[in-house]
Amino acid sequence: MKTLSPSFAALALALSGFTFCAQAAPSQQYISDQITVVVRDAPRNDATFLSSIKSGDRVTVLETLGDQSFAKIRTGDGRTGWIIARYLTPEPVARTIVNDVRRELTEAQSRIRDLEARLGQTRASLEKARPALELAGDNERLREQVDGLQRSLKETEQRYGVEKERRRTMLTGAGLAGAGIVLGLILPWLLRSNKRRRWGDF
């Protein structure tokens, strides 16, 4: 049987140690909010599996045995079953709120683009009418037309400012709401974990 040379064995040992260190190196990651909850036919962990629901799905609570036990729910498509009650929350999850805000933000941006187009058209019409007014200063019809265009321009600029401020408010609100919901979901779990850890010390 052919034996390995001492130098080759040392090199292999060094490489294996490097691989182990690379695998064991700490890295910062995050807990996923994509949670799958099992729906069973009875309030027991060993009960028959019926289906599963995901975080953000809307359900109707029909009965509950307590926050630390099980709750009977009905899903959006009419299925009923039991799930672990601690996965329920009265508020939408952060992902749902962010999706709603994104949709509203897209609509607001579309309205802003429309207002910008109208603003440009109004300004162009105003510039087009101004030379005619200068040539016919006593023409009341042209004067009224210019006055109307100026009012339209002012109103459009005001609406444009309101839409931009609304978009800024939505972005700020989404950030605060998302942070609050995540904190509200994680904090009770941490408190329960600390309580169980203290009881385990006795």
Foldseek 3Di string as FASTA:
>chain_A
DDDDDPVVVVVVVVVVVVVVCVVPDDDDDDDDQWDKWWFFADFDPPGHTDDIDTAQFDWAFDADPDQQTKTWIAGPVGDIGITRNVSDDPDGALVVLVVVLVVVLVVLVVVLVVLVVVLVVLVVVLVVLVVVCVVVVPPVVSVVVNVVSVVVNVVSVVVNVVSVVVNVVSVVVSVVVNVVRVCVSVVVVVVVVVVVVVVVVD
